[in-house]
C-alpha atoms as a PDB file:
ATOM      1  CA  MET A   1     110.176  92.148 -23.355  1.00  0.00           C
ATOM      2  CA  THR A   2     110.825  90.978 -26.941  1.00  0.00           C
ATOM      3  CA  LYS A   3     108.144  89.710 -29.308  1.00  0.00           C
ATOM      4  CA  ASP A   4     107.970  87.382 -31.987  1.00  0.00           C
ATOM      5  CA  VAL A   5     108.125  88.414 -35.836  1.00  0.00           C
ATOM      6  CA  THR A   6     106.640  86.584 -38.683  1.00  0.00           C
ATOM      7  CA  VAL A   7     108.994  87.244 -41.626  1.00  0.00           C
ATOM      8  CA  ILE A   8     107.417  87.621 -45.490  1.00  0.00           C
ATOM      9  CA  GLU A   9     109.801  87.402 -48.307  1.00  0.00           C
ATOM     10  CA  VAL A  10     109.111  89.422 -51.128  1.00  0.00           C
ATOM     11  CA  ALA A  11     111.929  88.866 -53.495  1.00  0.00           C
ATOM     12  CA  LEU A  12     109.625  86.646 -56.043  1.00  0.00           C
ATOM     13  CA  ARG A  13     107.191  89.578 -56.038  1.00  0.00           C
ATOM     14  CA  ASP A  14     108.857  92.919 -55.559  1.00  0.00           C
ATOM     15  CA  GLY A  15     112.102  91.496 -56.697  1.00  0.00           C
ATOM     16  CA  SER A  16     109.933  91.047 -60.205  1.00  0.00           C
ATOM     17  CA  HIS A  17     110.387  94.569 -61.159  1.00  0.00           C
ATOM     18  CA  ALA A  18     114.087  94.783 -60.596  1.00  0.00           C
ATOM     19  CA  ILE A  19     114.599  92.137 -63.226  1.00  0.00           C
ATOM     20  CA  GLY A  20     111.854  92.997 -65.636  1.00  0.00           C
ATOM     21  CA  HIS A  21     109.206  90.488 -64.569  1.00  0.00           C
ATOM     22  CA  GLN A  22     111.488  87.651 -65.837  1.00  0.00           C
ATOM     23  CA  PHE A  23     111.286  85.090 -63.139  1.00  0.00           C
ATOM     24  CA  THR A  24     111.459  81.398 -64.693  1.00  0.00           C
ATOM     25  CA  LYS A  25     109.725  78.418 -62.944  1.00  0.00           C
ATOM     26  CA  GLU A  26     113.175  76.999 -62.440  1.00  0.00           C
ATOM     27  CA  ASP A  27     114.447  80.512 -60.881  1.00  0.00           C
ATOM     28  CA  VAL A  28     111.122  80.202 -58.455  1.00  0.00           C
ATOM     29  CA  ALA A  29     111.871  76.405 -57.848  1.00  0.00           C
ATOM     30  CA  ALA A  30     115.236  77.183 -56.755  1.00  0.00           C
ATOM     31  CA  VAL A  31     114.382  80.005 -54.725  1.00  0.00           C
ATOM     32  CA  VAL A  32     111.293  78.697 -52.981  1.00  0.00           C
ATOM     33  CA  ARG A  33     113.613  75.438 -51.923  1.00  0.00           C
ATOM     34  CA  GLY A  34     116.433  77.561 -50.380  1.00  0.00           C
ATOM     35  CA  LEU A  35     113.740  79.600 -48.484  1.00  0.00           C
ATOM     36  CA  ASP A  36     111.871  76.843 -47.442  1.00  0.00           C
ATOM     37  CA  GLN A  37     114.931  74.720 -45.663  1.00  0.00           C
ATOM     38  CA  ALA A  38     115.662  78.403 -44.023  1.00  0.00           C
ATOM     39  CA  LYS A  39     112.420  78.146 -42.688  1.00  0.00           C
ATOM     40  CA  VAL A  40     110.872  81.709 -43.778  1.00  0.00           C
ATOM     41  CA  PRO A  41     107.131  81.740 -43.033  1.00  0.00           C
ATOM     42  CA  TYR A  42     105.660  83.164 -45.887  1.00  0.00           C
ATOM     43  CA  ILE A  43     106.990  83.536 -49.642  1.00  0.00           C
ATOM     44  CA  GLU A  44     105.229  85.903 -51.760  1.00  0.00           C
ATOM     45  CA  VAL A  45     105.093  85.053 -55.642  1.00  0.00           C
ATOM     46  CA  SER A  46     103.395  86.942 -58.660  1.00  0.00           C
ATOM     47  CA  HIS A  47     104.206  89.539 -60.964  1.00  0.00           C
ATOM     48  CA  GLY A  48     105.332  92.726 -59.397  1.00  0.00           C
ATOM     49  CA  ASP A  49     102.140  94.811 -59.398  1.00  0.00           C
ATOM     50  CA  GLY A  50     100.139  91.588 -58.394  1.00  0.00           C
ATOM     51  CA  VAL A  51      98.403  88.433 -60.135  1.00  0.00           C
ATOM     52  CA  GLY A  52      97.009  89.843 -63.377  1.00  0.00           C
ATOM     53  CA  GLY A  53      99.674  92.293 -63.435  1.00  0.00           C
ATOM     54  CA  SER A  54     101.573  91.082 -66.742  1.00  0.00           C
ATOM     55  CA  SER A  55     100.513  93.961 -69.274  1.00  0.00           C
ATOM     56  CA  ILE A  56     101.829  96.278 -71.863  1.00  0.00           C
ATOM     57  CA  GLN A  57     101.433  98.977 -69.206  1.00  0.00           C
ATOM     58  CA  TYR A  58     103.407  97.105 -66.348  1.00  0.00           C
ATOM     59  CA  GLY A  59     105.264  94.834 -68.189  1.00  0.00           C
ATOM     60  CA  TYR A  60     104.805  91.403 -69.413  1.00  0.00           C
ATOM     61  CA  SER A  61     105.541  88.483 -67.270  1.00  0.00           C
ATOM     62  CA  LYS A  62     108.134  85.824 -68.852  1.00  0.00           C
ATOM     63  CA  GLU A  63     106.130  83.389 -67.493  1.00  0.00           C
ATOM     64  CA  TYR A  64     102.564  83.548 -66.052  1.00  0.00           C
ATOM     65  CA  ASP A  65     102.394  84.192 -62.717  1.00  0.00           C
ATOM     66  CA  ILE A  66      99.971  81.351 -61.636  1.00  0.00           C
ATOM     67  CA  GLU A  67     102.229  79.255 -62.947  1.00  0.00           C
ATOM     68  CA  LEU A  68     104.908  80.571 -60.618  1.00  0.00           C
ATOM     69  CA  ILE A  69     102.676  80.241 -57.705  1.00  0.00           C
ATOM     70  CA  LYS A  70     101.940  76.533 -58.820  1.00  0.00           C
ATOM     71  CA  THR A  71     105.811  76.021 -59.145  1.00  0.00           C
ATOM     72  CA  ALA A  72     106.265  77.392 -55.598  1.00  0.00           C
ATOM     73  CA  LYS A  73     103.587  75.417 -53.567  1.00  0.00           C
ATOM     74  CA  GLU A  74     105.312  72.309 -55.188  1.00  0.00           C
ATOM     75  CA  ASN A  75     108.678  73.622 -53.722  1.00  0.00           C
ATOM     76  CA  ALA A  76     107.596  74.057 -50.022  1.00  0.00           C
ATOM     77  CA  THR A  77     107.276  71.880 -47.571  1.00  0.00           C
ATOM     78  CA  PHE A  78     107.306  74.292 -44.577  1.00  0.00           C
ATOM     79  CA  SER A  79     106.938  78.007 -45.982  1.00  0.00           C
ATOM     80  CA  LYS A  80     103.247  78.949 -47.049  1.00  0.00           C
ATOM     81  CA  ILE A  81     102.960  80.854 -50.331  1.00  0.00           C
ATOM     82  CA  ALA A  82     101.343  84.421 -50.543  1.00  0.00           C
ATOM     83  CA  CYS A  83     100.136  86.511 -53.502  1.00  0.00           C
ATOM     84  CA  LEU A  84      99.551  90.145 -54.062  1.00  0.00           C
ATOM     85  CA  LEU A  85      96.622  91.456 -55.541  1.00  0.00           C
ATOM     86  CA  LEU A  86      95.731  95.011 -56.693  1.00  0.00           C
ATOM     87  CA  PRO A  87      92.158  95.623 -57.485  1.00  0.00           C
ATOM     88  CA  GLY A  88      91.691  97.168 -60.838  1.00  0.00           C
ATOM     89  CA  ILE A  89      94.379  95.239 -62.110  1.00  0.00           C
ATOM     90  CA  GLY A  90      93.982  91.730 -60.455  1.00  0.00           C
ATOM     91  CA  THR A  91      90.690  90.408 -60.608  1.00  0.00           C
ATOM     92  CA  VAL A  92      88.492  88.171 -58.399  1.00  0.00           C
ATOM     93  CA  GLU A  93      89.148  85.241 -60.817  1.00  0.00           C
ATOM     94  CA  ASP A  94      92.811  85.830 -61.071  1.00  0.00           C
ATOM     95  CA  LEU A  95      92.551  85.572 -56.766  1.00  0.00           C
ATOM     96  CA  LYS A  96      90.755  82.342 -57.293  1.00  0.00           C
ATOM     97  CA  GLU A  97      93.305  80.836 -59.668  1.00  0.00           C
ATOM     98  CA  ALA A  98      95.837  81.972 -57.685  1.00  0.00           C
ATOM     99  CA  HIS A  99      94.340  80.193 -54.476  1.00  0.00           C
ATOM    100  CA  GLU A 100      93.946  76.915 -56.653  1.00  0.00           C
ATOM    101  CA  ALA A 101      97.474  77.048 -57.678  1.00  0.00           C
ATOM    102  CA  GLY A 102      98.538  76.837 -53.749  1.00  0.00           C
ATOM    103  CA  ALA A 103      98.561  80.478 -52.287  1.00  0.00           C
ATOM    104  CA  GLU A 104      97.317  80.427 -48.813  1.00  0.00           C
ATOM    105  CA  MET A 105      97.792  84.281 -48.012  1.00  0.00           C
ATOM    106  CA  VAL A 106      96.690  87.320 -50.405  1.00  0.00           C
ATOM    107  CA  ARG A 107      98.137  90.773 -49.835  1.00  0.00           C
ATOM    108  CA  ILE A 108      95.106  93.151 -50.822  1.00  0.00           C
ATOM    109  CA  ALA A 109      96.935  96.355 -52.020  1.00  0.00           C
ATOM    110  CA  THR A 110      95.485  99.730 -52.564  1.00  0.00           C
ATOM    111  CA  HIS A 111      96.733 103.363 -52.280  1.00  0.00           C
ATOM    112  CA  SER A 112      96.571 104.898 -48.750  1.00  0.00           C
ATOM    113  CA  THR A 113      93.225 106.554 -49.323  1.00  0.00           C
ATOM    114  CA  GLU A 114      91.389 103.835 -51.367  1.00  0.00           C
ATOM    115  CA  ALA A 115      90.858 101.227 -49.192  1.00  0.00           C
ATOM    116  CA  ASP A 116      86.997 100.889 -49.972  1.00  0.00           C
ATOM    117  CA  VAL A 117      88.111  99.461 -53.497  1.00  0.00           C
ATOM    118  CA  SER A 118      89.389  96.508 -51.491  1.00  0.00           C
ATOM    119  CA  ALA A 119      86.287  95.398 -50.165  1.00  0.00           C
ATOM    120  CA  GLN A 120      85.379  92.672 -52.692  1.00  0.00           C
ATOM    121  CA  HIS A 121      88.176  91.198 -52.937  1.00  0.00           C
ATOM    122  CA  ILE A 122      89.013  90.878 -49.241  1.00  0.00           C
ATOM    123  CA  ARG A 123      85.631  89.302 -48.547  1.00  0.00           C
ATOM    124  CA  TYR A 124      85.955  86.893 -51.273  1.00  0.00           C
ATOM    125  CA  ALA A 125      89.473  85.915 -50.003  1.00  0.00           C
ATOM    126  CA  LYS A 126      88.229  85.457 -46.504  1.00  0.00           C
ATOM    127  CA  GLU A 127      84.664  84.288 -46.776  1.00  0.00           C
ATOM    128  CA  GLU A 128      84.987  82.058 -50.224  1.00  0.00           C
ATOM    129  CA  LEU A 129      88.317  80.951 -50.388  1.00  0.00           C
ATOM    130  CA  GLY A 130      89.365  80.726 -46.483  1.00  0.00           C
ATOM    131  CA  MET A 131      92.860  82.564 -47.196  1.00  0.00           C
ATOM    132  CA  THR A 132      94.827  84.596 -44.663  1.00  0.00           C
ATOM    133  CA  VAL A 133      94.221  88.091 -45.907  1.00  0.00           C
ATOM    134  CA  VAL A 134      96.292  91.185 -45.406  1.00  0.00           C
ATOM    135  CA  GLY A 135      95.108  94.667 -46.139  1.00  0.00           C
ATOM    136  CA  PHE A 136      97.997  96.415 -47.804  1.00  0.00           C
ATOM    137  CA  LEU A 137      98.030 100.146 -47.671  1.00  0.00           C
ATOM    138  CA  MET A 138     100.531 101.695 -50.289  1.00  0.00           C
ATOM    139  CA  MET A 139     102.437 105.067 -50.270  1.00  0.00           C
ATOM    140  CA  ALA A 140     101.779 105.624 -46.800  1.00  0.00           C
ATOM    141  CA  HIS A 141     104.068 108.652 -46.569  1.00  0.00           C
ATOM    142  CA  MET A 142     101.262 110.252 -48.823  1.00  0.00           C
ATOM    143  CA  VAL A 143      98.730 110.296 -45.205  1.00  0.00           C
ATOM    144  CA  THR A 144      98.721 111.047 -41.806  1.00  0.00           C
ATOM    145  CA  PRO A 145      98.712 108.690 -39.323  1.00  0.00           C
ATOM    146  CA  GLN A 146      95.075 109.586 -39.096  1.00  0.00           C
ATOM    147  CA  LYS A 147      94.300 108.750 -42.158  1.00  0.00           C
ATOM    148  CA  LEU A 148      95.808 105.802 -42.764  1.00  0.00           C
ATOM    149  CA  LEU A 149      93.983 104.492 -39.644  1.00  0.00           C
ATOM    150  CA  GLU A 150      90.711 105.598 -41.024  1.00  0.00           C
ATOM    151  CA  GLN A 151      91.452 103.401 -44.153  1.00  0.00           C
ATOM    152  CA  ALA A 152      92.944 100.610 -41.881  1.00  0.00           C
ATOM    153  CA  LYS A 153      89.947 100.191 -40.181  1.00  0.00           C
ATOM    154  CA  LEU A 154      87.973  99.761 -43.353  1.00  0.00           C
ATOM    155  CA  MET A 155      89.982  96.927 -44.423  1.00  0.00           C
ATOM    156  CA  GLU A 156      89.614  95.371 -40.994  1.00  0.00           C
ATOM    157  CA  SER A 157      85.874  95.906 -41.320  1.00  0.00           C
ATOM    158  CA  TYR A 158      85.903  93.700 -44.614  1.00  0.00           C
ATOM    159  CA  GLY A 159      87.850  90.730 -42.804  1.00  0.00           C
ATOM    160  CA  ALA A 160      91.466  91.531 -43.146  1.00  0.00           C
ATOM    161  CA  ASP A 161      93.365  89.361 -40.922  1.00  0.00           C
ATOM    162  CA  ILE A 162      96.558  91.610 -40.945  1.00  0.00           C
ATOM    163  CA  ILE A 163      97.117  95.266 -41.753  1.00  0.00           C
ATOM    164  CA  TYR A 164     100.295  96.792 -43.464  1.00  0.00           C
ATOM    165  CA  CYS A 165     101.486  99.999 -43.614  1.00  0.00           C
ATOM    166  CA  THR A 166     103.593 100.153 -47.021  1.00  0.00           C
ATOM    167  CA  ASP A 167     106.345 102.698 -47.643  1.00  0.00           C
ATOM    168  CA  SER A 168     106.010 102.030 -51.334  1.00  0.00           C
ATOM    169  CA  ALA A 169     108.165 104.908 -52.256  1.00  0.00           C
ATOM    170  CA  GLY A 170     110.802 104.461 -49.696  1.00  0.00           C
ATOM    171  CA  ALA A 171     110.226 107.856 -48.536  1.00  0.00           C
ATOM    172  CA  LEU A 172     109.630 107.778 -44.760  1.00  0.00           C
ATOM    173  CA  LEU A 173     111.753 108.750 -41.876  1.00  0.00           C
ATOM    174  CA  PRO A 174     111.827 106.372 -38.860  1.00  0.00           C
ATOM    175  CA  GLU A 175     109.662 108.818 -36.710  1.00  0.00           C
ATOM    176  CA  GLY A 176     107.242 108.705 -39.630  1.00  0.00           C
ATOM    177  CA  VAL A 177     107.093 105.216 -39.655  1.00  0.00           C
ATOM    178  CA  TYR A 178     106.977 104.768 -35.783  1.00  0.00           C
ATOM    179  CA  ASP A 179     104.133 107.134 -35.646  1.00  0.00           C
ATOM    180  CA  ARG A 180     102.145 105.673 -38.468  1.00  0.00           C
ATOM    181  CA  VAL A 181     102.612 101.776 -37.131  1.00  0.00           C
ATOM    182  CA  ARG A 182     101.783 102.591 -33.334  1.00  0.00           C
ATOM    183  CA  ASN A 183      98.558 104.471 -34.140  1.00  0.00           C
ATOM    184  CA  LEU A 184      97.456 101.386 -36.297  1.00  0.00           C
ATOM    185  CA  VAL A 185      98.669  98.903 -33.394  1.00  0.00           C
ATOM    186  CA  LEU A 186      96.794 101.017 -31.137  1.00  0.00           C
ATOM    187  CA  ASN A 187      93.829 101.220 -32.572  1.00  0.00           C
ATOM    188  CA  LEU A 188      93.062  98.072 -34.508  1.00  0.00           C
ATOM    189  CA  ASN A 189      92.316  94.692 -33.084  1.00  0.00           C
ATOM    190  CA  VAL A 190      94.390  92.801 -35.992  1.00  0.00           C
ATOM    191  CA  PRO A 191      98.145  92.169 -36.271  1.00  0.00           C
ATOM    192  CA  VAL A 192     100.232  95.311 -37.964  1.00  0.00           C
ATOM    193  CA  GLY A 193     102.676  94.560 -40.418  1.00  0.00           C
ATOM    194  CA  PHE A 194     105.306  97.066 -42.307  1.00  0.00           C
ATOM    195  CA  HIS A 195     106.999  96.962 -46.165  1.00  0.00           C
ATOM    196  CA  ALA A 196     110.072  99.049 -46.468  1.00  0.00           C
ATOM    197  CA  HIS A 197     112.059 100.387 -49.624  1.00  0.00           C
ATOM    198  CA  ASN A 198     115.562 101.395 -49.393  1.00  0.00           C
ATOM    199  CA  ASN A 199     115.467 104.278 -51.570  1.00  0.00           C
ATOM    200  CA  LEU A 200     116.628 106.682 -48.512  1.00  0.00           C
ATOM    201  CA  GLY A 201     118.586 104.243 -47.196  1.00  0.00           C
ATOM    202  CA  LEU A 202     116.521 103.500 -44.204  1.00  0.00           C
ATOM    203  CA  ALA A 203     114.813 100.260 -44.698  1.00  0.00           C
ATOM    204  CA  MET A 204     116.453  98.509 -42.197  1.00  0.00           C
ATOM    205  CA  ALA A 205     116.037 101.656 -39.529  1.00  0.00           C
ATOM    206  CA  ASN A 206     112.291 101.885 -40.678  1.00  0.00           C
ATOM    207  CA  SER A 207     111.653  98.043 -40.266  1.00  0.00           C
ATOM    208  CA  LEU A 208     113.116  98.455 -36.527  1.00  0.00           C
ATOM    209  CA  ALA A 209     111.234 101.639 -35.829  1.00  0.00           C
ATOM    210  CA  ALA A 210     108.098  99.692 -36.998  1.00  0.00           C
ATOM    211  CA  TYR A 211     108.960  96.525 -34.836  1.00  0.00           C
ATOM    212  CA  GLU A 212     109.545  98.958 -32.084  1.00  0.00           C
ATOM    213  CA  ALA A 213     106.201 100.351 -32.405  1.00  0.00           C
ATOM    214  CA  GLY A 214     104.522  97.082 -32.130  1.00  0.00           C
ATOM    215  CA  ALA A 215     104.504  95.756 -35.507  1.00  0.00           C
ATOM    216  CA  THR A 216     104.564  91.456 -35.476  1.00  0.00           C
ATOM    217  CA  TYR A 217     104.995  91.219 -39.262  1.00  0.00           C
ATOM    218  CA  LEU A 218     108.024  92.615 -41.337  1.00  0.00           C
ATOM    219  CA  ASP A 219     108.779  92.241 -44.969  1.00  0.00           C
ATOM    220  CA  GLY A 220     112.251  91.201 -46.269  1.00  0.00           C
ATOM    221  CA  SER A 221     113.534  90.549 -49.507  1.00  0.00           C
ATOM    222  CA  ALA A 222     116.614  88.363 -49.746  1.00  0.00           C
ATOM    223  CA  ARG A 223     119.762  90.003 -51.355  1.00  0.00           C
ATOM    224  CA  ALA A 224     117.522  93.422 -51.208  1.00  0.00           C
ATOM    225  CA  LEU A 225     115.922  92.582 -54.808  1.00  0.00           C
ATOM    226  CA  GLY A 226     113.205  95.007 -54.931  1.00  0.00           C
ATOM    227  CA  ALA A 227     111.894  97.698 -56.809  1.00  0.00           C
ATOM    228  CA  GLY A 228     113.647 101.126 -56.770  1.00  0.00           C
ATOM    229  CA  ALA A 229     117.045 100.362 -54.270  1.00  0.00           C
ATOM    230  CA  GLY A 230     115.036  97.329 -53.025  1.00  0.00           C
ATOM    231  CA  ASN A 231     113.721  96.383 -49.817  1.00  0.00           C
ATOM    232  CA  THR A 232     114.821  95.861 -46.439  1.00  0.00           C
ATOM    233  CA  GLN A 233     117.583  92.931 -46.826  1.00  0.00           C
ATOM    234  CA  THR A 234     116.113  89.810 -45.515  1.00  0.00           C
ATOM    235  CA  GLU A 235     119.257  88.158 -44.206  1.00  0.00           C
ATOM    236  CA  VAL A 236     120.594  91.716 -42.687  1.00  0.00           C
ATOM    237  CA  MET A 237     117.124  91.984 -40.902  1.00  0.00           C
ATOM    238  CA  ILE A 238     117.208  88.557 -39.348  1.00  0.00           C
ATOM    239  CA  ALA A 239     120.676  88.924 -38.060  1.00  0.00           C
ATOM    240  CA  VAL A 240     119.697  92.526 -36.675  1.00  0.00           C
ATOM    241  CA  LEU A 241     116.603  91.054 -35.036  1.00  0.00           C
ATOM    242  CA  ASP A 242     118.621  88.030 -33.655  1.00  0.00           C
ATOM    243  CA  LYS A 243     121.051  90.369 -31.951  1.00  0.00           C
ATOM    244  CA  ILE A 244     118.181  92.033 -29.939  1.00  0.00           C
ATOM    245  CA  GLY A 245     116.645  89.028 -29.038  1.00  0.00           C
ATOM    246  CA  VAL A 246     113.673  88.804 -31.403  1.00  0.00           C
ATOM    247  CA  ASN A 247     113.009  85.163 -32.555  1.00  0.00           C
ATOM    248  CA  THR A 248     111.919  84.807 -36.442  1.00  0.00           C
ATOM    249  CA  GLY A 249     112.346  81.206 -36.825  1.00  0.00           C
ATOM    250  CA  VAL A 250     114.505  82.045 -39.836  1.00  0.00           C
ATOM    251  CA  ASP A 251     118.171  80.060 -40.211  1.00  0.00           C
ATOM    252  CA  LEU A 252     120.477  82.978 -40.671  1.00  0.00           C
ATOM    253  CA  PHE A 253     123.176  81.246 -42.694  1.00  0.00           C
ATOM    254  CA  LYS A 254     120.766  79.495 -44.898  1.00  0.00           C
ATOM    255  CA  ILE A 255     119.148  82.848 -45.696  1.00  0.00           C
ATOM    256  CA  GLN A 256     122.554  83.999 -46.465  1.00  0.00           C
ATOM    257  CA  ASP A 257     123.124  81.447 -48.763  1.00  0.00           C
ATOM    258  CA  VAL A 258     119.884  81.869 -50.773  1.00  0.00           C
ATOM    259  CA  ALA A 259     120.763  85.658 -50.983  1.00  0.00           C
ATOM    260  CA  GLU A 260     124.362  84.624 -52.459  1.00  0.00           C
ATOM    261  CA  ASP A 261     124.143  81.704 -54.078  1.00  0.00           C
ATOM    262  CA  ILE A 262     120.875  81.468 -55.770  1.00  0.00           C
ATOM    263  CA  LEU A 263     119.419  85.033 -56.011  1.00  0.00           C
ATOM    264  CA  ALA A 264     122.655  86.883 -56.777  1.00  0.00           C
ATOM    265  CA  PRO A 265     123.351  85.340 -60.171  1.00  0.00           C
ATOM    266  CA  ILE A 266     119.653  85.668 -60.864  1.00  0.00           C
ATOM    267  CA  MET A 267     119.940  89.411 -60.557  1.00  0.00           C
ATOM    268  CA  ASN A 268     120.706  91.884 -63.310  1.00  0.00           C
ATOM    269  CA  LYS A 269     122.805  94.029 -61.457  1.00  0.00           C
ATOM    270  CA  PRO A 270     123.465  94.243 -57.388  1.00  0.00           C
ATOM    271  CA  GLN A 271     120.838  96.390 -55.819  1.00  0.00           C
ATOM    272  CA  ILE A 272     122.059  99.875 -54.890  1.00  0.00           C
ATOM    273  CA  ILE A 273     121.179 103.113 -53.988  1.00  0.00           C
ATOM    274  CA  ASP A 274     121.985 104.913 -57.193  1.00  0.00           C
ATOM    275  CA  ARG A 275     120.695 108.259 -58.314  1.00  0.00           C
ATOM    276  CA  ASN A 276     117.480 107.544 -59.816  1.00  0.00           C
ATOM    277  CA  SER A 277     116.473 105.037 -56.868  1.00  0.00           C
ATOM    278  CA  LEU A 278     117.400 108.063 -54.380  1.00  0.00           C
ATOM    279  CA  THR A 279     115.480 110.417 -56.161  1.00  0.00           C
ATOM    280  CA  LEU A 280     112.356 108.386 -55.962  1.00  0.00           C
ATOM    281  CA  GLY A 281     112.588 108.280 -51.846  1.00  0.00           C
ATOM    282  CA  TYR A 282     113.398 112.339 -52.104  1.00  0.00           C
ATOM    283  CA  ALA A 283     110.365 113.108 -54.290  1.00  0.00           C
ATOM    284  CA  GLY A 284     108.292 110.261 -52.726  1.00  0.00           C
ATOM    285  CA  VAL A 285     107.350 108.433 -55.956  1.00  0.00           C
ATOM    286  CA  TYR A 286     106.294 104.614 -56.243  1.00  0.00           C
ATOM    287  CA  SER A 287     109.369 102.648 -56.315  1.00  0.00           C
ATOM    288  CA  SER A 288     108.209 100.617 -59.489  1.00  0.00           C
ATOM    289  CA  PHE A 289     108.603 103.813 -61.573  1.00  0.00           C
ATOM    290  CA  ASN A 290     112.217 103.391 -61.606  1.00  0.00           C
ATOM    291  CA  LEU A 291     112.434 101.741 -64.747  1.00  0.00           C
ATOM    292  CA  HIS A 292     109.241 102.971 -66.377  1.00  0.00           C
ATOM    293  CA  ALA A 293     111.058 106.640 -65.884  1.00  0.00           C
ATOM    294  CA  LYS A 294     114.765 105.431 -67.244  1.00  0.00           C
ATOM    295  CA  ARG A 295     112.643 104.166 -70.268  1.00  0.00           C
ATOM    296  CA  ALA A 296     110.847 107.186 -70.901  1.00  0.00           C
ATOM    297  CA  ALA A 297     113.666 109.374 -70.131  1.00  0.00           C
ATOM    298  CA  GLU A 298     115.891 107.871 -72.900  1.00  0.00           C
ATOM    299  CA  GLN A 299     113.049 108.027 -75.250  1.00  0.00           C
ATOM    300  CA  PHE A 300     112.491 111.863 -74.884  1.00  0.00           C
ATOM    301  CA  ASP A 301     116.381 112.588 -73.956  1.00  0.00           C
ATOM    302  CA  LEU A 302     115.518 113.637 -70.289  1.00  0.00           C
ATOM    303  CA  ASP A 303     117.215 113.463 -67.139  1.00  0.00           C
ATOM    304  CA  ALA A 304     115.131 110.678 -65.428  1.00  0.00           C
ATOM    305  CA  ARG A 305     115.641 112.414 -62.006  1.00  0.00           C
ATOM    306  CA  GLU A 306     113.647 115.410 -63.504  1.00  0.00           C
ATOM    307  CA  LEU A 307     111.095 113.094 -64.334  1.00  0.00           C
ATOM    308  CA  LEU A 308     110.427 111.439 -60.991  1.00  0.00           C
ATOM    309  CA  ILE A 309     110.682 114.951 -59.428  1.00  0.00           C
ATOM    310  CA  GLU A 310     107.784 116.127 -61.496  1.00  0.00           C
ATOM    311  CA  CYS A 311     105.885 112.589 -60.803  1.00  0.00           C
ATOM    312  CA  GLY A 312     106.240 113.642 -56.998  1.00  0.00           C
ATOM    313  CA  LYS A 313     105.097 116.958 -57.395  1.00  0.00           C
ATOM    314  CA  ARG A 314     102.045 115.620 -59.339  1.00  0.00           C
ATOM    315  CA  LYS A 315     101.370 113.049 -56.431  1.00  0.00           C
ATOM    316  CA  THR A 316     101.144 110.175 -58.488  1.00  0.00           C
ATOM    317  CA  VAL A 317     100.689 107.183 -57.228  1.00  0.00           C
ATOM    318  CA  GLY A 318     100.795 102.978 -58.266  1.00  0.00           C
ATOM    319  CA  GLY A 319      99.028 102.077 -61.083  1.00  0.00           C
ATOM    320  CA  GLN A 320      99.882 105.265 -62.788  1.00  0.00           C
ATOM    321  CA  GLU A 321     102.974 104.301 -64.611  1.00  0.00           C
ATOM    322  CA  ASP A 322     101.327 105.174 -68.097  1.00  0.00           C
ATOM    323  CA  ILE A 323     101.430 108.798 -67.057  1.00  0.00           C
ATOM    324  CA  ILE A 324     105.302 108.879 -66.839  1.00  0.00           C
ATOM    325  CA  PHE A 325     105.472 108.828 -70.415  1.00  0.00           C
ATOM    326  CA  ASP A 326     102.640 111.526 -71.025  1.00  0.00           C
ATOM    327  CA  ILE A 327     104.668 113.578 -68.423  1.00  0.00           C
ATOM    328  CA  ALA A 328     107.933 112.989 -70.110  1.00  0.00           C
ATOM    329  CA  ALA A 329     106.478 114.324 -73.335  1.00  0.00           C
ATOM    330  CA  GLU A 330     105.053 117.324 -72.051  1.00  0.00           C
ATOM    331  CA  LEU A 331     108.375 118.341 -70.239  1.00  0.00           C
ATOM    332  CA  ALA A 332     110.272 117.380 -73.486  1.00  0.00           C
ATOM    333  CA  ALA A 333     107.761 119.782 -75.391  1.00  0.00           C
ATOM    334  CA  ASN A 334     107.979 122.565 -73.117  1.00  0.00           C
ATOM    335  CA  ARG A 335     112.135 122.385 -73.388  1.00  0.00           C
ATOM    336  CA  THR A 336     111.446 122.850 -77.364  1.00  0.00           C
ATOM    337  CA  ASN A 337     109.287 125.774 -76.811  1.00  0.00           C
ATOM    338  CA  GLU A 338     111.560 127.529 -74.456  1.00  0.00           C
ATOM    339  CA  SER A 339     114.914 127.044 -76.519  1.00  0.00           C
END
């Protein structure tokens, strides 16, 4: 028996990484109008690293993300606006401003072993703001299904309405996705969602594995616009789910039109699995490290892949983008000493 899936569109958040956080209000307005007409239930809007993420460390936004959320809300009649917040980057005050601007859902994102840092933000969003709250456990490949469940239960106890297994590095294989999601579904009292990256070319397969394991929320990004090699391509996901009889409520032709007519012209280049993004998935490195690694590699005359492999060996996690340049300087110094 098939069950419905709720789609959360992430191009205007995760896709911010791919274009250097340069979305304008005009971009957001056009994309949101198209997604709204396609009947996409939720549209996530914010800096790639969440509200409050615009900084020298993560990259400055072209326009303040609270204004982008406000613009999104003004152009949505059907879709609800969501945002992302990483405790330690975004604050409760940022969350309040995002809600006032029109965000009805917030995804509180932590590393998959650090759910305890989300308690304040989940409770505030739920109890004070009345938002729909998602516990977003990142880099899920780095922990066992049992450890992921332990952390998910913490988020559930704080009041999260939905819990996400998040493959931030695009490093999981379908079996790994199924095992993690299934364990959450069987042991939580809230719905479970899944967020994929396509660094190993498995985003769609992994999203299907998550659905088969019981996930009822799936993330997609139109035109696959996202960090690394991008996310599960929304228009592809809608077509595949429709073929197996799963109702999403999203209009297939209209979501295709958003991808090709609105998002494609905004993108700096087509979203592909190139050597660096493939290395992200292979090494298990946070997908947003891609652009930072390229810049560090150019500065220190390194191969970005070498740098990403070293990040993987050191088990770097989201929020440690600044360490990339330290590692690059160390590798360059070692090379000099060896010669």
